[in-house]
Amino acid sequence: MKRRAFTLAALATSALGHVAPAQAQSQVIRLMVGFQAGGSFDTLARILAPALQEHAGRQVVVENRTGAAGRLAMEAVRDSKGAGDALVVTSQGAVTLFPYVYRNLRYDPVKDFTPVSRLVSFDYALAIGDGTPARTLPEYIQWLKANQEKASYASPGAGTTPHFLGVGFHRAIGVPGVHIAYKGAAPGVLDLVGGRVPAMFSLLADSIQQHQAGTLRVIATCGSSRSSFLPDVPTLKESGIDLVVPGWIGLYGPAEMPVALQDAYAKAVDAGMRASAVQSRLATFAMVGAPTTPQELEALQRRELAFWEPVVKASGFTPED
């Protein structure tokens, strides 16, 4: 392990030799997070930081640039240019969905960033509460068709991936659904448990504890296969609804980052995120360490950019400033 860490550190040092001398002097990697301390993204960054530091051979400092749904952190890394001294832990939405959600998005998710690696994968989930008598997905769909005036669903916010998962779901079953946007998942889950909304799309981590406690029911997950955390719950796809949206969080650097440095960071992430201790910590958030090559992350991002554009346009959603 020490020999491997030395090799990766040497790669990073070599890559830094190709950038401007002033940039090369920095031995600190700023790991940007667009959300507040204590949240899932911040926690993930703080899990990643020591692993990245160990295997890349440079000090890593987590920096919270909160606000604008993570866009401020994206802009900060974009402005750091190509030295690779700043990286961002970002949601998939920020690089695949936001171009269709924000009218004046101040970054290009493809041209302004260098993909490094996917960090984790997770599941989005459809949960229902006492606002509906259904117990299973087929029963819920049947109830929606018989009670279309009650066909609403919650999400953690307008313009988020769960918001448009709901759009895709209601299009697939042929029942219009009214979207109810909350400021985060927690208040939506409270209203779901209290029966004030019948359903909610969100991260599985937002509802798994309540599901296990019996206060709400996760009736479907949205990935390509069943969640290892709730293996008894079917996916939308296997239930006949052609909607597959795997959740993930990625690591990006600024545009024009040297290829050798990009690869060194990706190898550091791979070594760190696959460690058993890291996987155990991630499991508490219903997440799995799932590092990729930079090329695999780039391909994943481009697929989802193409996927979301018609969904958002068909929804009638008006982009925000």
Protein backbone atom coordinates (compact mmCIF):
# COMPACT_ATOMS: atom_id res chain seq x y z
CA MET A 1 0.00 0.00 0.00
CA LYS A 2 2.84 2.38 0.85
CA ARG A 3 4.49 1.63 -2.49
CA ARG A 4 1.22 2.29 -4.31
CA ALA A 5 0.71 5.56 -2.42
CA PHE A 6 4.24 6.62 -3.38
CA THR A 7 3.54 5.85 -7.03
CA LEU A 8 0.36 7.93 -7.04
CA ALA A 9 2.06 10.79 -5.25
CA ALA A 10 4.83 10.69 -7.85
CA LEU A 11 2.25 10.83 -10.63
CA ALA A 12 0.58 13.85 -9.05
CA THR A 13 3.93 15.60 -8.55
CA SER A 14 4.90 14.88 -12.15
CA ALA A 15 1.62 16.26 -13.42
CA LEU A 16 2.06 19.42 -11.38
CA GLY A 17 5.35 19.99 -13.11
CA HIS A 18 3.48 20.79 -16.32
CA VAL A 19 1.49 23.71 -14.89
CA ALA A 20 2.55 27.26 -14.10
CA PRO A 21 5.18 27.53 -11.32
CA ALA A 22 2.89 29.61 -9.07
CA GLN A 23 0.24 26.94 -9.34
CA ALA A 24 2.70 24.10 -8.81
CA GLN A 25 3.77 25.52 -5.43
CA SER A 26 0.45 24.67 -3.81
CA GLN A 27 0.51 21.44 -1.85
CA VAL A 28 -3.09 21.78 -0.66
CA ILE A 29 -6.11 20.37 -2.48
CA ARG A 30 -9.31 22.27 -1.71
CA LEU A 31 -12.21 19.85 -1.77
CA MET A 32 -15.28 21.97 -2.44
CA VAL A 33 -18.75 21.08 -1.18
CA GLY A 34 -21.79 23.12 -2.15
CA PHE A 35 -23.81 22.28 0.95
CA GLN A 36 -23.65 22.95 4.66
CA ALA A 37 -21.47 21.10 7.13
CA GLY A 38 -23.06 17.99 8.58
CA GLY A 39 -25.08 17.09 5.50
CA SER A 40 -24.58 14.01 3.33
CA PHE A 41 -22.36 15.75 0.77
CA ASP A 42 -20.19 17.29 3.47
CA THR A 43 -19.92 13.96 5.26
CA LEU A 44 -18.94 12.23 2.02
CA ALA A 45 -16.26 14.84 1.36
CA ARG A 46 -14.85 14.34 4.86
CA ILE A 47 -14.79 10.57 4.30
CA LEU A 48 -13.02 11.11 0.98
CA ALA A 49 -10.50 13.71 2.16
CA PRO A 50 -8.15 11.49 4.21
CA ALA A 51 -8.28 8.74 1.61
CA LEU A 52 -7.45 11.21 -1.15
CA GLN A 53 -4.73 12.75 0.99
CA GLU A 54 -3.14 9.38 1.72
CA HIS A 55 -3.08 8.18 -1.86
CA ALA A 56 -2.44 11.47 -3.69
CA GLY A 57 0.30 12.61 -1.34
CA ARG A 58 -1.07 16.14 -0.77
CA GLN A 59 -2.97 17.79 2.06
CA VAL A 60 -6.72 17.91 1.45
CA VAL A 61 -8.94 20.56 3.06
CA VAL A 62 -12.74 20.43 2.82
CA GLU A 63 -14.23 23.83 2.00
CA ASN A 64 -17.98 24.48 2.19
CA ARG A 65 -19.21 26.93 -0.47
CA THR A 66 -22.88 26.79 0.40
CA GLY A 67 -25.77 28.22 -1.54
CA ALA A 68 -27.50 28.15 -4.93
CA ALA A 69 -28.10 24.37 -4.77
CA GLY A 70 -24.39 23.66 -5.04
CA ARG A 71 -23.73 26.00 -7.97
CA LEU A 72 -21.39 28.28 -6.00
CA ALA A 73 -18.99 25.41 -5.34
CA MET A 74 -19.09 24.48 -9.04
CA GLU A 75 -18.24 28.07 -10.00
CA ALA A 76 -15.37 28.19 -7.52
CA VAL A 77 -13.75 25.11 -9.04
CA ARG A 78 -14.37 26.40 -12.56
CA ASP A 79 -12.54 29.61 -11.64
CA SER A 80 -9.57 27.73 -10.16
CA LYS A 81 -8.35 26.96 -13.69
CA GLY A 82 -6.45 23.83 -14.59
CA ALA A 83 -3.90 23.30 -11.81
CA GLY A 84 -6.05 20.76 -10.02
CA ASP A 85 -5.71 22.47 -6.64
CA ALA A 86 -9.52 22.57 -6.30
CA LEU A 87 -11.95 19.69 -6.76
CA VAL A 88 -15.70 19.55 -6.21
CA VAL A 89 -17.91 16.84 -4.74
CA THR A 90 -21.09 17.34 -6.73
CA SER A 91 -24.53 15.89 -7.24
CA GLN A 92 -25.37 14.37 -10.59
CA GLY A 93 -28.03 17.03 -11.05
CA ALA A 94 -25.46 19.83 -11.08
CA VAL A 95 -23.78 18.33 -14.15
CA THR A 96 -26.71 16.65 -15.93
CA LEU A 97 -29.96 18.40 -15.01
CA PHE A 98 -29.16 22.02 -14.15
CA PRO A 99 -28.61 23.12 -17.79
CA TYR A 100 -32.35 22.59 -18.31
CA VAL A 101 -33.43 23.93 -14.92
CA TYR A 102 -31.56 27.25 -14.71
CA ARG A 103 -31.89 29.83 -17.46
CA ASN A 104 -28.64 31.60 -16.59
CA LEU A 105 -26.44 28.75 -15.39
CA ARG A 106 -23.00 30.35 -15.04
CA TYR A 107 -21.01 27.28 -15.98
CA ASP A 108 -20.94 24.68 -18.72
CA PRO A 109 -21.04 21.24 -17.08
CA VAL A 110 -18.99 19.68 -19.90
CA LYS A 111 -16.59 22.40 -21.08
CA ASP A 112 -15.75 23.93 -17.69
CA PHE A 113 -14.83 20.74 -15.78
CA THR A 114 -12.62 17.68 -15.87
CA PRO A 115 -14.34 14.46 -14.75
CA VAL A 116 -12.29 12.54 -12.20
CA SER A 117 -14.43 9.72 -10.79
CA ARG A 118 -17.85 8.79 -9.60
CA LEU A 119 -17.60 8.53 -5.82
CA VAL A 120 -20.73 6.71 -4.70
CA SER A 121 -23.91 5.24 -6.07
CA PHE A 122 -27.26 5.23 -4.30
CA ASP A 123 -30.93 4.71 -5.01
CA TYR A 124 -33.77 7.13 -5.39
CA ALA A 125 -37.00 5.80 -3.94
CA LEU A 126 -40.75 6.23 -4.13
CA ALA A 127 -42.29 6.20 -0.66
CA ILE A 128 -45.92 6.46 0.37
CA GLY A 129 -47.56 7.18 3.70
CA ASP A 130 -50.98 7.13 5.32
CA GLY A 131 -52.25 9.61 2.74
CA THR A 132 -53.03 6.56 0.60
CA PRO A 133 -54.35 3.11 1.58
CA ALA A 134 -51.99 1.38 -0.87
CA ARG A 135 -49.32 -1.02 0.34
CA THR A 136 -47.56 -1.86 -2.92
CA LEU A 137 -46.67 -0.09 -6.17
CA PRO A 138 -49.47 -1.75 -8.20
CA GLU A 139 -51.98 -0.81 -5.49
CA TYR A 140 -50.67 2.77 -5.47
CA ILE A 141 -51.00 3.10 -9.24
CA GLN A 142 -54.53 1.68 -9.07
CA TRP A 143 -55.39 4.17 -6.32
CA LEU A 144 -53.97 7.07 -8.36
CA LYS A 145 -56.07 6.15 -11.37
CA ALA A 146 -59.19 5.99 -9.22
CA ASN A 147 -58.38 9.21 -7.29
CA GLN A 148 -56.70 11.47 -9.83
CA GLU A 149 -57.64 14.59 -7.90
CA LYS A 150 -55.34 13.37 -5.12
CA ALA A 151 -52.40 12.58 -7.41
CA SER A 152 -49.64 14.68 -5.87
CA TYR A 153 -46.11 13.91 -4.78
CA ALA A 154 -43.44 15.62 -2.73
CA SER A 155 -39.76 16.14 -3.52
CA PRO A 156 -36.83 17.85 -1.77
CA GLY A 157 -37.12 20.84 -4.12
CA ALA A 158 -38.15 22.18 -7.51
CA GLY A 159 -35.71 21.36 -10.27
CA THR A 160 -34.13 18.43 -8.43
CA THR A 161 -33.71 14.90 -9.75
CA PRO A 162 -36.56 13.58 -7.52
CA HIS A 163 -38.85 16.31 -8.90
CA PHE A 164 -38.36 15.05 -12.44
CA LEU A 165 -38.45 11.42 -11.39
CA GLY A 166 -42.00 12.19 -10.32
CA VAL A 167 -42.70 13.79 -13.70
CA GLY A 168 -41.42 10.71 -15.50
CA PHE A 169 -43.38 8.37 -13.25
CA HIS A 170 -46.71 10.13 -13.75
CA ARG A 171 -46.15 10.31 -17.51
CA ALA A 172 -45.44 6.58 -17.55
CA ILE A 173 -48.66 5.64 -15.74
CA GLY A 174 -50.81 8.16 -17.62
CA VAL A 175 -51.98 10.09 -14.57
CA PRO A 176 -51.04 13.79 -14.16
CA GLY A 177 -49.27 14.44 -10.89
CA VAL A 178 -49.06 17.68 -8.93
CA HIS A 179 -45.55 18.36 -7.69
CA ILE A 180 -45.14 19.72 -4.15
CA ALA A 181 -41.65 21.15 -3.62
CA TYR A 182 -40.16 21.24 -0.14
CA LYS A 183 -37.01 22.94 1.07
CA GLY A 184 -35.10 19.74 1.62
CA ALA A 185 -36.15 16.17 2.25
CA ALA A 186 -36.82 16.36 6.00
CA PRO A 187 -40.02 18.49 5.94
CA GLY A 188 -41.37 16.42 3.05
CA VAL A 189 -40.82 13.19 4.96
CA LEU A 190 -42.60 14.70 7.99
CA ASP A 191 -45.66 15.52 5.87
CA LEU A 192 -45.53 12.10 4.24
CA VAL A 193 -45.51 10.35 7.62
CA GLY A 194 -48.31 12.65 8.78
CA GLY A 195 -50.47 11.77 5.77
CA ARG A 196 -50.49 15.32 4.39
CA VAL A 197 -49.00 14.19 1.08
CA PRO A 198 -49.57 10.72 -0.40
CA ALA A 199 -46.11 10.08 -1.87
CA MET A 200 -42.57 11.34 -2.17
CA PHE A 201 -39.59 10.83 -4.46
CA SER A 202 -36.25 11.32 -2.71
CA LEU A 203 -33.01 9.58 -1.87
CA LEU A 204 -33.52 6.18 -0.29
CA ALA A 205 -31.47 7.44 2.66
CA ASP A 206 -34.21 10.00 3.37
CA SER A 207 -36.88 7.37 4.00
CA ILE A 208 -35.22 4.04 4.79
CA GLN A 209 -35.29 4.47 8.58
CA GLN A 210 -38.99 5.37 8.56
CA HIS A 211 -39.66 2.42 6.25
CA GLN A 212 -37.90 0.08 8.65
CA ALA A 213 -39.84 1.61 11.55
CA GLY A 214 -43.13 1.15 9.70
CA THR A 215 -44.12 4.83 9.65
CA LEU A 216 -44.02 4.97 5.84
CA ARG A 217 -43.60 2.48 3.00
CA VAL A 218 -40.90 2.47 0.33
CA ILE A 219 -42.70 0.77 -2.55
CA ALA A 220 -40.11 1.12 -5.34
CA THR A 221 -36.53 2.13 -6.03
CA CYS A 222 -35.41 3.75 -9.26
CA GLY A 223 -32.16 2.03 -10.20
CA SER A 224 -31.41 -0.72 -12.70
CA SER A 225 -31.45 -3.39 -9.98
CA ARG A 226 -32.83 -3.75 -6.47
CA SER A 227 -31.13 -1.91 -3.65
CA SER A 228 -28.85 -4.02 -1.48
CA PHE A 229 -30.26 -2.09 1.49
CA LEU A 230 -33.89 -3.02 0.71
CA PRO A 231 -33.66 -6.16 -1.44
CA ASP A 232 -37.35 -6.98 -0.94
CA VAL A 233 -38.47 -3.73 -2.62
CA PRO A 234 -38.86 -3.93 -6.43
CA THR A 235 -37.57 -1.40 -8.91
CA LEU A 236 -39.87 0.68 -11.09
CA LYS A 237 -38.41 -1.11 -14.13
CA GLU A 238 -39.26 -4.60 -12.96
CA SER A 239 -42.74 -3.38 -12.09
CA GLY A 240 -43.33 -2.45 -15.72
CA ILE A 241 -42.45 1.27 -15.57
CA ASP A 242 -39.64 2.10 -17.99
CA LEU A 243 -37.85 4.59 -15.77
CA VAL A 244 -34.30 3.92 -14.59
CA VAL A 245 -32.36 6.69 -12.85
CA PRO A 246 -29.43 5.51 -10.73
CA GLY A 247 -28.24 8.04 -8.16
CA TRP A 248 -24.61 9.08 -7.93
CA ILE A 249 -22.23 11.73 -6.65
CA GLY A 250 -19.11 12.64 -8.61
CA LEU A 251 -15.73 14.30 -8.26
CA TYR A 252 -14.72 16.94 -10.81
CA GLY A 253 -11.80 19.28 -11.31
CA PRO A 254 -11.48 22.42 -13.45
CA ALA A 255 -11.14 22.32 -17.22
CA GLU A 256 -7.68 21.74 -18.72
CA MET A 257 -6.41 19.80 -15.73
CA PRO A 258 -3.39 17.71 -16.81
CA VAL A 259 -4.34 14.18 -17.82
CA ALA A 260 -1.68 12.66 -15.57
CA LEU A 261 -3.11 14.51 -12.57
CA GLN A 262 -6.66 13.55 -13.52
CA ASP A 263 -5.62 9.89 -13.63
CA ALA A 264 -3.68 10.16 -10.37
CA TYR A 265 -6.72 11.56 -8.57
CA ALA A 266 -8.95 8.87 -10.08
CA LYS A 267 -6.61 6.13 -8.86
CA ALA A 268 -6.50 7.73 -5.42
CA VAL A 269 -10.30 7.79 -5.29
CA ASP A 270 -10.45 4.17 -6.42
CA ALA A 271 -8.09 3.06 -3.66
CA GLY A 272 -9.82 5.14 -1.00
CA MET A 273 -13.49 4.51 -1.78
CA ARG A 274 -13.10 0.73 -2.04
CA ALA A 275 -11.61 0.43 1.46
CA SER A 276 -13.83 -1.67 3.73
CA ALA A 277 -13.89 0.97 6.49
CA VAL A 278 -15.09 3.59 4.00
CA GLN A 279 -17.74 1.26 2.59
CA SER A 280 -19.01 0.60 6.10
CA ARG A 281 -19.38 4.32 6.81
CA LEU A 282 -21.13 4.92 3.50
CA ALA A 283 -23.61 2.14 4.23
CA THR A 284 -25.04 4.23 7.08
CA PHE A 285 -26.20 6.65 4.36
CA ALA A 286 -27.51 3.85 2.11
CA MET A 287 -24.65 4.58 -0.28
CA VAL A 288 -22.03 2.36 -1.91
CA GLY A 289 -18.52 3.41 -2.87
CA ALA A 290 -18.51 3.09 -6.66
CA PRO A 291 -15.43 4.73 -8.20
CA THR A 292 -15.01 4.86 -11.98
CA THR A 293 -12.42 5.94 -14.49
CA PRO A 294 -12.66 9.53 -15.73
CA GLN A 295 -13.84 8.22 -19.09
CA GLU A 296 -16.65 6.21 -17.50
CA LEU A 297 -17.82 9.25 -15.54
CA GLU A 298 -17.77 11.38 -18.68
CA ALA A 299 -19.88 8.81 -20.56
CA LEU A 300 -22.35 8.57 -17.67
CA GLN A 301 -22.72 12.35 -17.55
CA ARG A 302 -23.34 12.63 -21.31
CA ARG A 303 -25.98 9.87 -21.23
CA GLU A 304 -27.89 11.62 -18.47
CA LEU A 305 -27.62 15.02 -20.14
CA ALA A 306 -29.34 13.50 -23.17
CA PHE A 307 -31.90 11.68 -21.00
CA TRP A 308 -33.11 14.68 -18.99
CA GLU A 309 -33.55 17.26 -21.73
CA PRO A 310 -36.81 15.84 -23.20
CA VAL A 311 -38.15 14.98 -19.74
CA VAL A 312 -37.78 18.55 -18.47
CA LYS A 313 -39.13 20.09 -21.67
CA ALA A 314 -42.16 17.80 -21.71
CA SER A 315 -42.93 18.67 -18.08
CA GLY A 316 -43.59 22.33 -18.90
CA PHE A 317 -41.15 23.36 -16.16
CA THR A 318 -40.10 27.00 -16.45
CA PRO A 319 -36.35 27.42 -15.95
CA GLU A 320 -35.32 29.63 -13.06
CA ASP A 321 -32.74 32.42 -13.27
